[in-house]
């Protein structure tokens, strides 16, 4: 869902054949072609519904601030040869204000999102 909306999500954990540490920290939308190819080859769920990966939405139209990862590191949790498990450990994050949204309430932001989808 993150890929097809006006949201930005980053991959924060991988645990599947066809994924490795290079995918951690990347934007989910950038990986869609790889996800589709991996799905054809291994039966990978492109939405990550089987636990193949975890993602974090860092920005969406409802957010008054976007989440910015300032510093992180990739950590190997399991060195499995077929499906290594890597995750992103955040060391520093910040919130970046989105112009014009800070003073809007949630209902007003939801209204804006509804207009975007029209």
N, C-alpha and C. Protein backbone atom coordinates (compact mmCIF):
# COMPACT_ATOMS: atom_id res chain seq x y z
N UNK A 1 0.81 -1.19 0.00
CA UNK A 1 0.00 0.00 0.00
C UNK A 1 0.86 1.25 0.00
N UNK A 2 2.00 1.21 0.66
CA UNK A 2 2.88 2.38 0.71
C UNK A 2 3.33 2.75 -0.69
N UNK A 3 3.58 1.75 -1.52
CA UNK A 3 4.10 1.99 -2.87
C UNK A 3 3.08 2.71 -3.73
N UNK A 4 1.80 2.40 -3.59
CA UNK A 4 0.79 2.94 -4.49
C UNK A 4 0.10 4.20 -3.96
N UNK A 5 0.53 4.73 -2.85
CA UNK A 5 -0.09 5.93 -2.29
C UNK A 5 0.91 7.07 -2.33
N UNK A 6 0.52 8.18 -1.77
CA UNK A 6 1.44 9.32 -1.68
C UNK A 6 2.21 9.25 -0.38
N UNK A 7 2.55 8.05 0.02
CA UNK A 7 3.31 7.82 1.25
C UNK A 7 4.72 7.39 0.90
N UNK A 8 5.60 7.61 1.85
CA UNK A 8 6.99 7.18 1.69
C UNK A 8 7.29 6.19 2.80
N UNK A 9 7.75 5.03 2.41
CA UNK A 9 8.12 4.01 3.39
C UNK A 9 9.50 3.48 3.11
N UNK A 10 10.20 3.13 4.16
CA UNK A 10 11.53 2.56 3.98
C UNK A 10 11.54 1.16 4.57
N UNK A 11 12.32 0.30 3.98
CA UNK A 11 12.46 -1.07 4.45
C UNK A 11 13.38 -1.04 5.67
N UNK A 12 12.87 -1.56 6.79
CA UNK A 12 13.67 -1.51 8.03
C UNK A 12 14.10 -2.91 8.50
N UNK A 13 13.56 -3.95 7.85
CA UNK A 13 13.97 -5.31 8.20
C UNK A 13 13.69 -6.22 7.01
N UNK A 14 14.61 -7.14 6.74
CA UNK A 14 14.41 -8.16 5.71
C UNK A 14 14.64 -9.53 6.33
N UNK A 15 13.85 -10.49 5.87
CA UNK A 15 13.95 -11.86 6.39
C UNK A 15 13.40 -12.83 5.35
N UNK A 16 13.99 -12.81 4.16
CA UNK A 16 13.44 -13.63 3.09
C UNK A 16 14.52 -13.94 2.06
N UNK A 17 14.37 -15.07 1.42
CA UNK A 17 15.22 -15.38 0.30
C UNK A 17 15.02 -14.29 -0.76
N UNK A 18 16.09 -13.83 -1.35
CA UNK A 18 16.02 -12.79 -2.36
C UNK A 18 16.22 -11.39 -1.80
N UNK A 19 16.27 -11.26 -0.47
CA UNK A 19 16.53 -9.97 0.15
C UNK A 19 17.78 -10.06 1.01
N UNK A 20 18.50 -8.94 1.11
CA UNK A 20 19.71 -8.93 1.92
C UNK A 20 19.93 -7.53 2.49
N UNK A 21 21.07 -7.32 3.10
CA UNK A 21 21.34 -6.06 3.78
C UNK A 21 21.28 -4.85 2.85
N UNK A 22 21.52 -5.04 1.56
CA UNK A 22 21.49 -3.90 0.63
C UNK A 22 20.09 -3.31 0.50
N UNK A 23 19.07 -4.08 0.83
CA UNK A 23 17.69 -3.60 0.71
C UNK A 23 17.23 -2.81 1.93
N UNK A 24 17.90 -2.99 3.05
CA UNK A 24 17.54 -2.30 4.29
C UNK A 24 17.85 -0.81 4.15
N UNK A 25 16.89 0.02 4.50
CA UNK A 25 17.07 1.47 4.42
C UNK A 25 16.62 2.07 3.10
N UNK A 26 16.28 1.23 2.13
CA UNK A 26 15.82 1.74 0.84
C UNK A 26 14.33 2.04 0.88
N UNK A 27 13.89 2.88 -0.04
CA UNK A 27 12.47 3.18 -0.16
C UNK A 27 11.75 1.99 -0.78
N UNK A 28 10.61 1.64 -0.21
CA UNK A 28 9.83 0.51 -0.70
C UNK A 28 9.48 0.67 -2.17
N UNK A 29 9.13 1.89 -2.60
CA UNK A 29 8.75 2.11 -4.00
C UNK A 29 9.91 1.84 -4.95
N UNK A 30 11.13 2.11 -4.51
CA UNK A 30 12.31 1.85 -5.35
C UNK A 30 12.55 0.35 -5.52
N UNK A 31 12.09 -0.44 -4.57
CA UNK A 31 12.33 -1.89 -4.60
C UNK A 31 11.22 -2.68 -5.27
N UNK A 32 10.14 -2.03 -5.68
CA UNK A 32 9.01 -2.75 -6.27
C UNK A 32 9.42 -3.66 -7.43
N UNK A 33 10.25 -3.21 -8.38
CA UNK A 33 10.66 -4.14 -9.46
C UNK A 33 11.38 -5.38 -8.91
N UNK A 34 12.22 -5.19 -7.91
CA UNK A 34 12.92 -6.34 -7.30
C UNK A 34 11.93 -7.24 -6.57
N UNK A 35 10.98 -6.65 -5.87
CA UNK A 35 9.96 -7.43 -5.17
C UNK A 35 9.16 -8.28 -6.16
N UNK A 36 8.78 -7.69 -7.28
CA UNK A 36 8.01 -8.43 -8.29
C UNK A 36 8.82 -9.58 -8.88
N UNK A 37 10.08 -9.35 -9.17
CA UNK A 37 10.95 -10.41 -9.71
C UNK A 37 11.14 -11.52 -8.68
N UNK A 38 11.33 -11.13 -7.42
CA UNK A 38 11.51 -12.12 -6.35
C UNK A 38 10.23 -12.91 -6.13
N UNK A 39 9.10 -12.26 -6.31
CA UNK A 39 7.81 -12.94 -6.19
C UNK A 39 7.67 -14.04 -7.23
N UNK A 40 8.03 -13.73 -8.47
CA UNK A 40 7.94 -14.73 -9.55
C UNK A 40 8.90 -15.90 -9.31
N UNK A 41 10.07 -15.58 -8.80
CA UNK A 41 11.10 -16.61 -8.62
C UNK A 41 10.87 -17.48 -7.39
N UNK A 42 10.45 -16.87 -6.28
CA UNK A 42 10.38 -17.60 -5.01
C UNK A 42 9.00 -17.61 -4.35
N UNK A 43 8.00 -16.96 -4.94
CA UNK A 43 6.69 -16.89 -4.31
C UNK A 43 6.63 -15.85 -3.20
N UNK A 44 7.51 -14.89 -3.28
CA UNK A 44 7.64 -13.79 -2.33
C UNK A 44 6.37 -12.93 -2.35
N UNK A 45 5.88 -12.52 -1.19
CA UNK A 45 4.72 -11.63 -1.13
C UNK A 45 5.21 -10.19 -1.24
N UNK A 46 4.84 -9.50 -2.32
CA UNK A 46 5.35 -8.14 -2.56
C UNK A 46 4.91 -7.14 -1.52
N UNK A 47 3.88 -7.48 -0.74
CA UNK A 47 3.42 -6.60 0.34
C UNK A 47 4.12 -6.92 1.66
N UNK A 48 4.92 -7.97 1.68
CA UNK A 48 5.62 -8.35 2.91
C UNK A 48 4.73 -9.04 3.92
N UNK A 49 3.56 -9.49 3.49
CA UNK A 49 2.58 -10.05 4.42
C UNK A 49 2.99 -11.37 5.07
N UNK A 50 3.98 -12.03 4.53
CA UNK A 50 4.45 -13.27 5.14
C UNK A 50 5.65 -13.05 6.05
N UNK A 51 5.96 -11.81 6.33
CA UNK A 51 7.11 -11.51 7.18
C UNK A 51 8.40 -11.35 6.39
N UNK A 52 8.28 -11.24 5.06
CA UNK A 52 9.48 -11.11 4.23
C UNK A 52 10.26 -9.84 4.54
N UNK A 53 9.54 -8.79 4.88
CA UNK A 53 10.19 -7.54 5.25
C UNK A 53 9.25 -6.73 6.14
N UNK A 54 9.83 -5.75 6.81
CA UNK A 54 9.07 -4.79 7.60
C UNK A 54 9.39 -3.41 7.06
N UNK A 55 8.41 -2.53 7.12
CA UNK A 55 8.63 -1.18 6.62
C UNK A 55 8.15 -0.15 7.65
N UNK A 56 8.63 1.05 7.48
CA UNK A 56 8.25 2.17 8.33
C UNK A 56 7.79 3.30 7.42
N UNK A 57 6.58 3.78 7.63
CA UNK A 57 6.09 4.92 6.86
C UNK A 57 6.72 6.18 7.46
N UNK A 58 7.54 6.85 6.68
CA UNK A 58 8.22 8.05 7.16
C UNK A 58 7.52 9.33 6.75
N UNK A 59 6.61 9.22 5.79
CA UNK A 59 5.85 10.39 5.38
C UNK A 59 4.57 9.94 4.68
N UNK A 60 3.50 10.67 4.95
CA UNK A 60 2.23 10.45 4.27
C UNK A 60 1.43 11.74 4.38
N UNK A 61 0.39 11.89 3.58
CA UNK A 61 -0.37 13.14 3.60
C UNK A 61 -0.99 13.48 4.96
N UNK A 62 -1.19 12.51 5.83
CA UNK A 62 -1.76 12.78 7.15
C UNK A 62 -0.74 13.36 8.14
N UNK A 63 0.52 13.15 7.87
CA UNK A 63 1.56 13.59 8.80
C UNK A 63 1.81 15.09 8.67
N UNK A 64 1.85 15.79 9.78
CA UNK A 64 2.24 17.20 9.78
C UNK A 64 3.76 17.34 9.74
N UNK A 65 4.44 16.27 10.14
CA UNK A 65 5.90 16.22 10.11
C UNK A 65 6.31 14.91 9.46
N UNK A 66 7.37 14.94 8.69
CA UNK A 66 7.89 13.68 8.17
C UNK A 66 9.04 13.22 9.06
N UNK A 67 9.22 11.92 9.12
CA UNK A 67 10.28 11.33 9.92
C UNK A 67 11.53 11.25 9.06
N UNK A 68 12.60 11.83 9.53
CA UNK A 68 13.86 11.80 8.80
C UNK A 68 14.86 10.96 9.58
N UNK A 69 15.43 9.97 8.93
CA UNK A 69 16.46 9.15 9.57
C UNK A 69 17.79 9.83 9.31
N UNK A 70 18.38 10.34 10.39
CA UNK A 70 19.64 11.07 10.27
C UNK A 70 20.86 10.15 10.34
N UNK A 71 20.72 9.09 11.13
CA UNK A 71 21.85 8.15 11.26
C UNK A 71 21.29 6.79 11.66
N UNK A 72 21.77 5.77 10.97
CA UNK A 72 21.35 4.41 11.30
C UNK A 72 22.46 3.45 10.91
N UNK A 73 22.30 2.24 11.37
CA UNK A 73 23.24 1.19 10.97
C UNK A 73 22.44 -0.07 10.66
N UNK A 74 23.00 -0.92 9.81
CA UNK A 74 22.38 -2.19 9.47
C UNK A 74 22.98 -3.26 10.37
N UNK A 75 22.09 -4.05 10.97
CA UNK A 75 22.52 -5.07 11.93
C UNK A 75 22.05 -6.43 11.42
N UNK A 76 22.96 -7.40 11.45
CA UNK A 76 22.59 -8.76 11.06
C UNK A 76 22.12 -9.50 12.31
N UNK A 77 20.87 -9.95 12.26
CA UNK A 77 20.28 -10.70 13.36
C UNK A 77 20.50 -12.19 13.18
N UNK A 78 20.53 -12.65 11.92
CA UNK A 78 20.71 -14.06 11.61
C UNK A 78 21.48 -14.19 10.31
N UNK A 79 22.55 -14.96 10.34
CA UNK A 79 23.41 -15.13 9.17
C UNK A 79 22.98 -16.27 8.26
N UNK A 80 21.72 -16.58 8.24
CA UNK A 80 21.20 -17.68 7.41
C UNK A 80 21.62 -17.49 5.96
N UNK A 81 22.16 -18.55 5.34
CA UNK A 81 22.62 -18.47 3.95
C UNK A 81 21.49 -18.23 2.96
N UNK A 82 20.32 -18.79 3.22
CA UNK A 82 19.19 -18.66 2.30
C UNK A 82 18.39 -17.38 2.53
N UNK A 83 18.16 -17.04 3.77
CA UNK A 83 17.32 -15.88 4.10
C UNK A 83 17.88 -15.16 5.32
N UNK A 84 18.96 -14.42 5.12
CA UNK A 84 19.53 -13.70 6.27
C UNK A 84 18.55 -12.64 6.78
N UNK A 85 18.62 -12.39 8.08
CA UNK A 85 17.75 -11.39 8.69
C UNK A 85 18.60 -10.17 9.05
N UNK A 86 18.23 -9.04 8.44
CA UNK A 86 18.91 -7.77 8.69
C UNK A 86 17.87 -6.75 9.13
N UNK A 87 18.26 -5.86 10.01
CA UNK A 87 17.36 -4.77 10.39
C UNK A 87 18.14 -3.47 10.50
N UNK A 88 17.39 -2.38 10.47
CA UNK A 88 17.98 -1.06 10.58
C UNK A 88 17.83 -0.57 12.01
N UNK A 89 18.95 -0.25 12.63
CA UNK A 89 18.96 0.29 13.99
C UNK A 89 19.11 1.80 13.88
N UNK A 90 18.11 2.52 14.35
CA UNK A 90 18.14 3.98 14.27
C UNK A 90 18.97 4.55 15.41
N UNK A 91 19.89 5.41 15.04
CA UNK A 91 20.74 6.07 16.04
C UNK A 91 20.34 7.53 16.23
N UNK A 92 19.80 8.15 15.17
CA UNK A 92 19.33 9.53 15.26
C UNK A 92 18.23 9.75 14.23
N UNK A 93 17.11 10.28 14.69
CA UNK A 93 16.00 10.62 13.80
C UNK A 93 15.51 12.02 14.18
N UNK A 94 14.87 12.66 13.23
CA UNK A 94 14.30 13.97 13.52
C UNK A 94 12.97 14.11 12.78
N UNK A 95 12.20 15.07 13.21
CA UNK A 95 10.94 15.39 12.56
C UNK A 95 11.13 16.65 11.75
N UNK A 96 10.68 16.61 10.49
CA UNK A 96 10.81 17.75 9.60
C UNK A 96 9.41 18.28 9.32
N UNK A 97 9.19 19.52 9.68
CA UNK A 97 7.87 20.13 9.49
C UNK A 97 7.52 20.24 8.01
N UNK A 98 6.27 19.93 7.71
CA UNK A 98 5.76 20.06 6.35
C UNK A 98 4.98 21.37 6.27
N UNK A 99 5.38 22.27 5.41
CA UNK A 99 4.75 23.59 5.34
C UNK A 99 3.22 23.52 5.21
N UNK A 100 2.56 24.32 6.03
CA UNK A 100 1.13 24.46 5.94
C UNK A 100 0.31 23.40 6.65
N UNK A 101 0.95 22.40 7.24
CA UNK A 101 0.19 21.32 7.87
C UNK A 101 0.25 21.34 9.39
N UNK A 102 1.22 22.01 9.95
CA UNK A 102 1.43 22.00 11.40
C UNK A 102 0.20 22.45 12.17
N UNK A 103 -0.47 23.48 11.69
CA UNK A 103 -1.59 24.05 12.42
C UNK A 103 -2.94 23.42 12.08
N UNK A 104 -2.93 22.44 11.15
CA UNK A 104 -4.18 21.76 10.79
C UNK A 104 -4.44 20.59 11.74
N UNK A 105 -5.68 20.40 12.10
CA UNK A 105 -6.06 19.25 12.92
C UNK A 105 -6.12 18.00 12.06
N UNK A 106 -6.26 16.87 12.71
CA UNK A 106 -6.30 15.60 12.00
C UNK A 106 -7.47 15.55 11.01
N UNK A 107 -8.63 16.02 11.43
CA UNK A 107 -9.80 16.01 10.52
C UNK A 107 -9.52 16.83 9.26
N UNK A 108 -8.86 17.96 9.43
CA UNK A 108 -8.54 18.80 8.27
C UNK A 108 -7.54 18.10 7.35
N UNK A 109 -6.56 17.41 7.94
CA UNK A 109 -5.59 16.68 7.11
C UNK A 109 -6.26 15.52 6.41
N UNK A 110 -7.21 14.85 7.08
CA UNK A 110 -7.97 13.77 6.44
C UNK A 110 -8.76 14.33 5.25
N UNK A 111 -9.33 15.52 5.41
CA UNK A 111 -10.04 16.17 4.31
C UNK A 111 -9.13 16.42 3.12
N UNK A 112 -7.89 16.84 3.40
CA UNK A 112 -6.93 17.06 2.32
C UNK A 112 -6.60 15.76 1.60
N UNK A 113 -6.44 14.69 2.36
CA UNK A 113 -6.14 13.39 1.77
C UNK A 113 -7.30 12.95 0.89
N UNK A 114 -8.52 13.15 1.35
CA UNK A 114 -9.71 12.78 0.57
C UNK A 114 -9.72 13.52 -0.77
N UNK A 115 -9.35 14.79 -0.75
CA UNK A 115 -9.31 15.58 -1.99
C UNK A 115 -8.22 15.07 -2.93
N UNK A 116 -7.10 14.60 -2.38
CA UNK A 116 -6.02 14.07 -3.21
C UNK A 116 -6.46 12.82 -3.96
N UNK A 117 -7.30 12.01 -3.32
CA UNK A 117 -7.75 10.76 -3.92
C UNK A 117 -8.86 10.95 -4.94
N UNK A 118 -9.43 12.14 -5.03
CA UNK A 118 -10.54 12.39 -5.96
C UNK A 118 -10.08 12.56 -7.38
